[in-house]
Amino acid sequence: MVAMTQLEVYGDVLELAVTRFREGGFVLLHDSVGRENEVDMVTAAELMSPEHVAAMRTDAGGLLCLAVGHEVAERLRIPGMREILQLAARHYPVLKSLDEETAPYGGKSPFSITINHRDTFTGITDRDRSLTIRELGELCKVALKDPDAGRSQFATKFKAPGHVHLLIESAGSISQRRGHTELSVYLSRLAGMSPATAICEMLDRKTHNALSVEDAQKYALNHSIPFLEGQQLAASFLKEHSH
């Protein structure tokens, strides 16, 4: 019902979402009923502000993460957390038992390392996290043009461990995995921006579960935020790559 009202109000929701994302606004993104069935607040990493972080931690409440394109991680040579655990397990065998090949809802975990920008203090404040996310969003563009410069800047501008969780898009993007990481990074590409997004799950303080799709749609309508179904982005991706 609310989704239809949003269509009536906004017309082409995908087009609006791309525009809002490009402007630094929020988009609410639902993966699918058969997957996590969660809605994330999403925005462009390169335009991240302290106000964005404040809104995501108070109105969403989940884990604030920074999703980056697979090609960026390759150029920066950032490994996934599973790779790190597998290598470290040679010296710390207990880590082998912690390695989860697939998540309960399917697919491999996109989690990588945690980082802080070197100009942060504790790394957790709204200003600190927005700085880390924004600077990494800008660095992604450098890495795509000049991998050597990207790796050099990554090493000098960032440190680990930190307070921003990096997520790495699957190599096949949406064709391989339809998580919020892949869906949001694809949205950034549609907007012609750095393949880096800040995402945060929306939680329900009453039920102590994920916020329902219906309540997330109401929030979207009340705050004039585009609400996207993962299937809308998947359809666009498949159409773009069908030739």
C-alpha atoms as a PDB file:
ATOM      1  CA  MET A   1       0.000   0.000   0.000  1.00  0.00           C
ATOM      2  CA  VAL A   2       2.658   2.505   1.017  1.00  0.00           C
ATOM      3  CA  ALA A   3       4.933   1.451  -1.854  1.00  0.00           C
ATOM      4  CA  MET A   4       2.125   2.137  -4.314  1.00  0.00           C
ATOM      5  CA  THR A   5       1.548   5.532  -2.712  1.00  0.00           C
ATOM      6  CA  GLN A   6       5.212   6.280  -3.152  1.00  0.00           C
ATOM      7  CA  LEU A   7       4.959   5.373  -6.815  1.00  0.00           C
ATOM      8  CA  GLU A   8       2.008   7.720  -7.147  1.00  0.00           C
ATOM      9  CA  VAL A   9       3.936  10.502  -5.423  1.00  0.00           C
ATOM     10  CA  TYR A  10       7.332  10.032  -7.090  1.00  0.00           C
ATOM     11  CA  GLY A  11       6.672   8.250 -10.389  1.00  0.00           C
ATOM     12  CA  ASP A  12       9.882   6.418 -11.381  1.00  0.00           C
ATOM     13  CA  VAL A  13      11.321   5.484  -7.981  1.00  0.00           C
ATOM     14  CA  LEU A  14      14.572   4.082  -9.399  1.00  0.00           C
ATOM     15  CA  GLU A  15      15.249   7.290 -11.303  1.00  0.00           C
ATOM     16  CA  LEU A  16      14.484   9.317  -8.189  1.00  0.00           C
ATOM     17  CA  ALA A  17      16.731   7.088  -6.077  1.00  0.00           C
ATOM     18  CA  VAL A  18      19.644   7.597  -8.471  1.00  0.00           C
ATOM     19  CA  THR A  19      19.104  11.359  -8.363  1.00  0.00           C
ATOM     20  CA  ARG A  20      18.843  11.510  -4.569  1.00  0.00           C
ATOM     21  CA  PHE A  21      21.909   9.301  -4.190  1.00  0.00           C
ATOM     22  CA  ARG A  22      23.875  11.542  -6.560  1.00  0.00           C
ATOM     23  CA  GLU A  23      22.839  14.543  -4.462  1.00  0.00           C
ATOM     24  CA  GLY A  24      24.014  12.917  -1.244  1.00  0.00           C
ATOM     25  CA  GLY A  25      20.570  11.956  -0.001  1.00  0.00           C
ATOM     26  CA  PHE A  26      19.398   8.711   1.531  1.00  0.00           C
ATOM     27  CA  VAL A  27      17.812   5.751  -0.234  1.00  0.00           C
ATOM     28  CA  LEU A  28      16.093   2.908   1.617  1.00  0.00           C
ATOM     29  CA  LEU A  29      16.965  -0.447   0.076  1.00  0.00           C
ATOM     30  CA  HIS A  30      15.195  -3.761   0.735  1.00  0.00           C
ATOM     31  CA  ASP A  31      17.071  -6.852  -0.414  1.00  0.00           C
ATOM     32  CA  SER A  32      14.254  -9.432  -0.717  1.00  0.00           C
ATOM     33  CA  VAL A  33      11.754 -11.415   1.339  1.00  0.00           C
ATOM     34  CA  GLY A  34      13.619 -14.656   0.645  1.00  0.00           C
ATOM     35  CA  ARG A  35      16.972 -13.319   1.808  1.00  0.00           C
ATOM     36  CA  GLU A  36      17.731 -11.160   4.881  1.00  0.00           C
ATOM     37  CA  ASN A  37      14.414  -9.379   4.373  1.00  0.00           C
ATOM     38  CA  GLU A  38      16.010  -6.230   5.776  1.00  0.00           C
ATOM     39  CA  VAL A  39      15.965  -2.587   4.769  1.00  0.00           C
ATOM     40  CA  ASP A  40      19.184  -0.558   4.810  1.00  0.00           C
ATOM     41  CA  MET A  41      19.697   3.190   4.792  1.00  0.00           C
ATOM     42  CA  VAL A  42      22.108   3.883   1.944  1.00  0.00           C
ATOM     43  CA  THR A  43      24.037   6.961   0.869  1.00  0.00           C
ATOM     44  CA  ALA A  44      27.094   7.887  -1.223  1.00  0.00           C
ATOM     45  CA  ALA A  45      30.374   7.389   0.651  1.00  0.00           C
ATOM     46  CA  GLU A  46      32.128  10.293  -1.074  1.00  0.00           C
ATOM     47  CA  LEU A  47      29.444  12.726   0.173  1.00  0.00           C
ATOM     48  CA  MET A  48      29.265  11.378   3.741  1.00  0.00           C
ATOM     49  CA  SER A  49      28.784  13.968   6.497  1.00  0.00           C
ATOM     50  CA  PRO A  50      28.499  13.848  10.302  1.00  0.00           C
ATOM     51  CA  GLU A  51      24.775  14.433   9.847  1.00  0.00           C
ATOM     52  CA  HIS A  52      24.541  11.280   7.730  1.00  0.00           C
ATOM     53  CA  VAL A  53      26.218   9.222  10.468  1.00  0.00           C
ATOM     54  CA  ALA A  54      23.945  10.701  13.145  1.00  0.00           C
ATOM     55  CA  ALA A  55      20.827   9.871  11.135  1.00  0.00           C
ATOM     56  CA  MET A  56      21.976   6.326  10.400  1.00  0.00           C
ATOM     57  CA  ARG A  57      22.851   5.459  13.993  1.00  0.00           C
ATOM     58  CA  THR A  58      19.658   6.987  15.429  1.00  0.00           C
ATOM     59  CA  ASP A  59      17.029   6.274  12.752  1.00  0.00           C
ATOM     60  CA  ALA A  60      18.494   3.011  11.423  1.00  0.00           C
ATOM     61  CA  GLY A  61      20.506   1.684  14.365  1.00  0.00           C
ATOM     62  CA  GLY A  62      22.255  -1.248  12.700  1.00  0.00           C
ATOM     63  CA  LEU A  63      25.917  -1.672  11.849  1.00  0.00           C
ATOM     64  CA  LEU A  64      27.257   1.223   9.796  1.00  0.00           C
ATOM     65  CA  CYS A  65      29.440  -0.238   7.046  1.00  0.00           C
ATOM     66  CA  LEU A  66      31.321   0.971   4.002  1.00  0.00           C
ATOM     67  CA  ALA A  67      30.715  -1.152   0.892  1.00  0.00           C
ATOM     68  CA  VAL A  68      33.241  -0.905  -1.948  1.00  0.00           C
ATOM     69  CA  GLY A  69      33.333  -2.300  -5.462  1.00  0.00           C
ATOM     70  CA  HIS A  70      35.180  -5.554  -6.082  1.00  0.00           C
ATOM     71  CA  GLU A  71      37.497  -3.865  -8.573  1.00  0.00           C
ATOM     72  CA  VAL A  72      38.512  -1.322  -5.920  1.00  0.00           C
ATOM     73  CA  ALA A  73      39.399  -4.029  -3.405  1.00  0.00           C
ATOM     74  CA  GLU A  74      41.456  -5.790  -6.070  1.00  0.00           C
ATOM     75  CA  ARG A  75      43.399  -2.642  -6.926  1.00  0.00           C
ATOM     76  CA  LEU A  76      43.982  -1.787  -3.268  1.00  0.00           C
ATOM     77  CA  ARG A  77      44.704  -5.465  -2.552  1.00  0.00           C
ATOM     78  CA  ILE A  78      42.338  -5.566   0.409  1.00  0.00           C
ATOM     79  CA  PRO A  79      41.451  -9.145   1.418  1.00  0.00           C
ATOM     80  CA  GLY A  80      38.147 -10.411   2.719  1.00  0.00           C
ATOM     81  CA  MET A  81      37.907 -11.422   6.371  1.00  0.00           C
ATOM     82  CA  ARG A  82      37.533 -15.099   5.426  1.00  0.00           C
ATOM     83  CA  GLU A  83      40.864 -14.955   3.602  1.00  0.00           C
ATOM     84  CA  ILE A  84      42.495 -13.345   6.634  1.00  0.00           C
ATOM     85  CA  LEU A  85      41.064 -15.972   8.989  1.00  0.00           C
ATOM     86  CA  GLN A  86      42.187 -18.811   6.742  1.00  0.00           C
ATOM     87  CA  LEU A  87      45.750 -17.476   6.594  1.00  0.00           C
ATOM     88  CA  ALA A  88      45.899 -16.702  10.317  1.00  0.00           C
ATOM     89  CA  ALA A  89      44.511 -20.155  11.196  1.00  0.00           C
ATOM     90  CA  ARG A  90      47.898 -21.642  10.249  1.00  0.00           C
ATOM     91  CA  HIS A  91      49.293 -20.090  13.425  1.00  0.00           C
ATOM     92  CA  TYR A  92      46.057 -19.806  15.428  1.00  0.00           C
ATOM     93  CA  PRO A  93      44.079 -23.019  14.760  1.00  0.00           C
ATOM     94  CA  VAL A  94      41.046 -21.859  16.753  1.00  0.00           C
ATOM     95  CA  LEU A  95      40.310 -19.382  13.968  1.00  0.00           C
ATOM     96  CA  LYS A  96      39.624 -22.231  11.561  1.00  0.00           C
ATOM     97  CA  SER A  97      36.507 -23.201  13.534  1.00  0.00           C
ATOM     98  CA  LEU A  98      35.219 -19.623  13.325  1.00  0.00           C
ATOM     99  CA  ASP A  99      35.346 -19.498   9.542  1.00  0.00           C
ATOM    100  CA  GLU A 100      31.782 -19.550   8.191  1.00  0.00           C
ATOM    101  CA  GLU A 101      31.699 -20.477   4.530  1.00  0.00           C
ATOM    102  CA  THR A 102      28.130 -19.337   3.936  1.00  0.00           C
ATOM    103  CA  ALA A 103      25.695 -17.175   5.869  1.00  0.00           C
ATOM    104  CA  PRO A 104      22.326 -18.597   7.058  1.00  0.00           C
ATOM    105  CA  TYR A 105      20.558 -16.567   4.366  1.00  0.00           C
ATOM    106  CA  GLY A 106      22.978 -17.743   1.658  1.00  0.00           C
ATOM    107  CA  GLY A 107      26.182 -16.510   0.073  1.00  0.00           C
ATOM    108  CA  LYS A 108      29.622 -15.679   1.386  1.00  0.00           C
ATOM    109  CA  SER A 109      30.212 -12.847   3.821  1.00  0.00           C
ATOM    110  CA  PRO A 110      31.396  -9.564   2.256  1.00  0.00           C
ATOM    111  CA  PHE A 111      33.184  -8.440   5.432  1.00  0.00           C
ATOM    112  CA  SER A 112      36.781  -7.283   5.218  1.00  0.00           C
ATOM    113  CA  ILE A 113      38.945  -5.285   7.649  1.00  0.00           C
ATOM    114  CA  THR A 114      37.960  -2.335   9.848  1.00  0.00           C
ATOM    115  CA  ILE A 115      39.621   1.041   9.310  1.00  0.00           C
ATOM    116  CA  ASN A 116      39.971   4.586  10.622  1.00  0.00           C
ATOM    117  CA  HIS A 117      41.339   7.596   8.784  1.00  0.00           C
ATOM    118  CA  ARG A 118      44.627   8.692  10.337  1.00  0.00           C
ATOM    119  CA  ASP A 119      43.216  12.156  11.053  1.00  0.00           C
ATOM    120  CA  THR A 120      40.573  10.706  13.399  1.00  0.00           C
ATOM    121  CA  PHE A 121      40.918  10.576  17.179  1.00  0.00           C
ATOM    122  CA  THR A 122      38.805   7.758  18.636  1.00  0.00           C
ATOM    123  CA  GLY A 123      37.364   6.954  15.225  1.00  0.00           C
ATOM    124  CA  ILE A 124      33.791   6.411  16.493  1.00  0.00           C
ATOM    125  CA  THR A 125      32.305   9.926  16.582  1.00  0.00           C
ATOM    126  CA  ASP A 126      30.021  11.165  13.836  1.00  0.00           C
ATOM    127  CA  ARG A 127      32.788  13.430  12.571  1.00  0.00           C
ATOM    128  CA  ASP A 128      35.422  10.694  12.705  1.00  0.00           C
ATOM    129  CA  ARG A 129      33.370   8.030  10.961  1.00  0.00           C
ATOM    130  CA  SER A 130      32.120  10.408   8.288  1.00  0.00           C
ATOM    131  CA  LEU A 131      35.721  11.472   7.597  1.00  0.00           C
ATOM    132  CA  THR A 132      36.866   7.851   7.241  1.00  0.00           C
ATOM    133  CA  ILE A 133      33.973   6.951   4.943  1.00  0.00           C
ATOM    134  CA  ARG A 134      34.193  10.106   2.825  1.00  0.00           C
ATOM    135  CA  GLU A 135      37.952   9.861   2.333  1.00  0.00           C
ATOM    136  CA  LEU A 136      37.796   6.191   1.398  1.00  0.00           C
ATOM    137  CA  GLY A 137      35.025   7.023  -1.069  1.00  0.00           C
ATOM    138  CA  GLU A 138      37.322   9.540  -2.720  1.00  0.00           C
ATOM    139  CA  LEU A 139      40.243   7.111  -2.617  1.00  0.00           C
ATOM    140  CA  CYS A 140      38.231   4.547  -4.567  1.00  0.00           C
ATOM    141  CA  LYS A 141      38.256   6.915  -7.547  1.00  0.00           C
ATOM    142  CA  VAL A 142      42.030   7.278  -7.269  1.00  0.00           C
ATOM    143  CA  ALA A 143      42.508   3.499  -7.102  1.00  0.00           C
ATOM    144  CA  LEU A 144      40.474   2.954 -10.263  1.00  0.00           C
ATOM    145  CA  LYS A 145      42.610   5.423 -12.211  1.00  0.00           C
ATOM    146  CA  ASP A 146      46.001   4.605 -10.679  1.00  0.00           C
ATOM    147  CA  PRO A 147      46.202   1.434  -8.518  1.00  0.00           C
ATOM    148  CA  ASP A 148      49.741   2.207  -7.325  1.00  0.00           C
ATOM    149  CA  ALA A 149      48.745   5.681  -6.139  1.00  0.00           C
ATOM    150  CA  GLY A 150      45.632   4.208  -4.573  1.00  0.00           C
ATOM    151  CA  ARG A 151      47.590   1.654  -2.558  1.00  0.00           C
ATOM    152  CA  SER A 152      50.129   4.265  -1.492  1.00  0.00           C
ATOM    153  CA  GLN A 153      47.429   6.656  -0.284  1.00  0.00           C
ATOM    154  CA  PHE A 154      45.508   3.867   1.426  1.00  0.00           C
ATOM    155  CA  ALA A 155      48.612   2.956   3.426  1.00  0.00           C
ATOM    156  CA  THR A 156      49.413   6.536   4.412  1.00  0.00           C
ATOM    157  CA  LYS A 157      45.911   7.885   5.048  1.00  0.00           C
ATOM    158  CA  PHE A 158      44.265   4.974   6.867  1.00  0.00           C
ATOM    159  CA  LYS A 159      44.979   2.639   9.772  1.00  0.00           C
ATOM    160  CA  ALA A 160      43.574  -0.617  11.114  1.00  0.00           C
ATOM    161  CA  PRO A 161      41.831  -1.829  13.146  1.00  0.00           C
ATOM    162  CA  GLY A 162      39.254   0.926  13.174  1.00  0.00           C
ATOM    163  CA  HIS A 163      35.595   1.752  13.581  1.00  0.00           C
ATOM    164  CA  VAL A 164      34.382   1.490   9.990  1.00  0.00           C
ATOM    165  CA  HIS A 165      33.680  -1.989   8.653  1.00  0.00           C
ATOM    166  CA  LEU A 166      34.674  -2.518   5.034  1.00  0.00           C
ATOM    167  CA  LEU A 167      32.490  -4.739   2.856  1.00  0.00           C
ATOM    168  CA  ILE A 168      33.670  -6.023  -0.517  1.00  0.00           C
ATOM    169  CA  GLU A 169      31.276  -6.520  -3.409  1.00  0.00           C
ATOM    170  CA  SER A 170      31.227 -10.015  -4.956  1.00  0.00           C
ATOM    171  CA  ALA A 171      33.234 -10.418  -8.153  1.00  0.00           C
ATOM    172  CA  GLY A 172      30.067 -10.973 -10.189  1.00  0.00           C
ATOM    173  CA  SER A 173      28.153  -8.222  -8.430  1.00  0.00           C
ATOM    174  CA  ILE A 174      24.369  -8.795  -8.488  1.00  0.00           C
ATOM    175  CA  SER A 175      24.703 -11.792 -10.801  1.00  0.00           C
ATOM    176  CA  GLN A 176      26.540 -13.635  -8.002  1.00  0.00           C
ATOM    177  CA  ARG A 177      25.076 -12.175  -4.805  1.00  0.00           C
ATOM    178  CA  ARG A 178      22.101  -9.896  -4.168  1.00  0.00           C
ATOM    179  CA  GLY A 179      23.055  -8.462  -0.821  1.00  0.00           C
ATOM    180  CA  HIS A 180      22.923  -4.829   0.224  1.00  0.00           C
ATOM    181  CA  THR A 181      26.629  -4.580  -0.601  1.00  0.00           C
ATOM    182  CA  GLU A 182      26.148  -5.498  -4.269  1.00  0.00           C
ATOM    183  CA  LEU A 183      22.840  -3.684  -4.664  1.00  0.00           C
ATOM    184  CA  SER A 184      24.089  -0.415  -3.157  1.00  0.00           C
ATOM    185  CA  VAL A 185      27.386  -0.449  -5.076  1.00  0.00           C
ATOM    186  CA  TYR A 186      25.437  -0.994  -8.285  1.00  0.00           C
ATOM    187  CA  LEU A 187      23.266   2.005  -7.348  1.00  0.00           C
ATOM    188  CA  SER A 188      26.441   4.090  -7.033  1.00  0.00           C
ATOM    189  CA  ARG A 189      27.445   3.033 -10.544  1.00  0.00           C
ATOM    190  CA  LEU A 190      24.039   4.002 -11.913  1.00  0.00           C
ATOM    191  CA  ALA A 191      24.610   7.421 -10.350  1.00  0.00           C
ATOM    192  CA  GLY A 192      28.039   7.679 -12.008  1.00  0.00           C
ATOM    193  CA  MET A 193      29.795   8.023  -8.681  1.00  0.00           C
ATOM    194  CA  SER A 194      32.578   6.349  -6.754  1.00  0.00           C
ATOM    195  CA  PRO A 195      31.732   2.641  -6.225  1.00  0.00           C
ATOM    196  CA  ALA A 196      31.503   3.083  -2.471  1.00  0.00           C
ATOM    197  CA  THR A 197      28.428   3.334  -0.270  1.00  0.00           C
ATOM    198  CA  ALA A 198      27.626   3.757   3.412  1.00  0.00           C
ATOM    199  CA  ILE A 199      24.928   1.305   4.485  1.00  0.00           C
ATOM    200  CA  CYS A 200      23.172   0.620   7.786  1.00  0.00           C
ATOM    201  CA  GLU A 201      20.371  -1.811   8.657  1.00  0.00           C
ATOM    202  CA  MET A 202      17.114  -0.384   9.986  1.00  0.00           C
ATOM    203  CA  LEU A 203      16.153  -1.951  13.332  1.00  0.00           C
ATOM    204  CA  ASP A 204      12.959  -1.876  15.395  1.00  0.00           C
ATOM    205  CA  ARG A 205      13.347  -0.811  19.024  1.00  0.00           C
ATOM    206  CA  LYS A 206       9.877  -2.218  19.842  1.00  0.00           C
ATOM    207  CA  THR A 207      10.260  -5.752  18.488  1.00  0.00           C
ATOM    208  CA  HIS A 208      14.074  -5.809  18.782  1.00  0.00           C
ATOM    209  CA  ASN A 209      14.222  -7.279  15.296  1.00  0.00           C
ATOM    210  CA  ALA A 210      14.804  -5.792  11.872  1.00  0.00           C
ATOM    211  CA  LEU A 211      12.372  -3.016  11.030  1.00  0.00           C
ATOM    212  CA  SER A 212       9.522  -4.443   8.977  1.00  0.00           C
ATOM    213  CA  VAL A 213       9.295  -3.558   5.306  1.00  0.00           C
ATOM    214  CA  GLU A 214       5.940  -1.886   5.956  1.00  0.00           C
ATOM    215  CA  ASP A 215       7.342   0.355   8.707  1.00  0.00           C
ATOM    216  CA  ALA A 216      10.394   1.151   6.602  1.00  0.00           C
ATOM    217  CA  GLN A 217       8.098   2.185   3.742  1.00  0.00           C
ATOM    218  CA  LYS A 218       6.195   4.456   6.109  1.00  0.00           C
ATOM    219  CA  TYR A 219       9.465   6.008   7.265  1.00  0.00           C
ATOM    220  CA  ALA A 220      10.505   6.527   3.655  1.00  0.00           C
ATOM    221  CA  LEU A 221       7.241   8.252   2.782  1.00  0.00           C
ATOM    222  CA  ASN A 222       7.259  10.437   5.916  1.00  0.00           C
ATOM    223  CA  HIS A 223      10.831  11.557   5.240  1.00  0.00           C
ATOM    224  CA  SER A 224      10.532  11.842   1.429  1.00  0.00           C
ATOM    225  CA  ILE A 225      13.153   9.126   0.912  1.00  0.00           C
ATOM    226  CA  PRO A 226      12.977   6.790  -2.112  1.00  0.00           C
ATOM    227  CA  PHE A 227      12.289   3.159  -1.186  1.00  0.00           C
ATOM    228  CA  LEU A 228      13.821   0.593  -3.528  1.00  0.00           C
ATOM    229  CA  GLU A 229      13.297  -3.133  -3.815  1.00  0.00           C
ATOM    230  CA  GLY A 230      16.404  -5.130  -4.621  1.00  0.00           C
ATOM    231  CA  GLN A 231      14.545  -6.612  -7.556  1.00  0.00           C
ATOM    232  CA  GLN A 232      14.325  -3.181  -9.172  1.00  0.00           C
ATOM    233  CA  LEU A 233      18.105  -2.839  -9.142  1.00  0.00           C
ATOM    234  CA  ALA A 234      18.585  -6.476 -10.151  1.00  0.00           C
ATOM    235  CA  ALA A 235      16.297  -6.010 -13.166  1.00  0.00           C
ATOM    236  CA  SER A 236      18.272  -2.943 -14.225  1.00  0.00           C
ATOM    237  CA  PHE A 237      21.563  -4.824 -13.789  1.00  0.00           C
ATOM    238  CA  LEU A 238      20.391  -7.832 -15.801  1.00  0.00           C
ATOM    239  CA  LYS A 239      19.053  -5.597 -18.559  1.00  0.00           C
ATOM    240  CA  GLU A 240      22.362  -3.710 -18.703  1.00  0.00           C
ATOM    241  CA  HIS A 241      24.379  -6.943 -18.880  1.00  0.00           C
ATOM    242  CA  SER A 242      22.112  -8.937 -21.170  1.00  0.00           C
ATOM    243  CA  HIS A 243      23.970  -7.964 -24.346  1.00  0.00           C
END
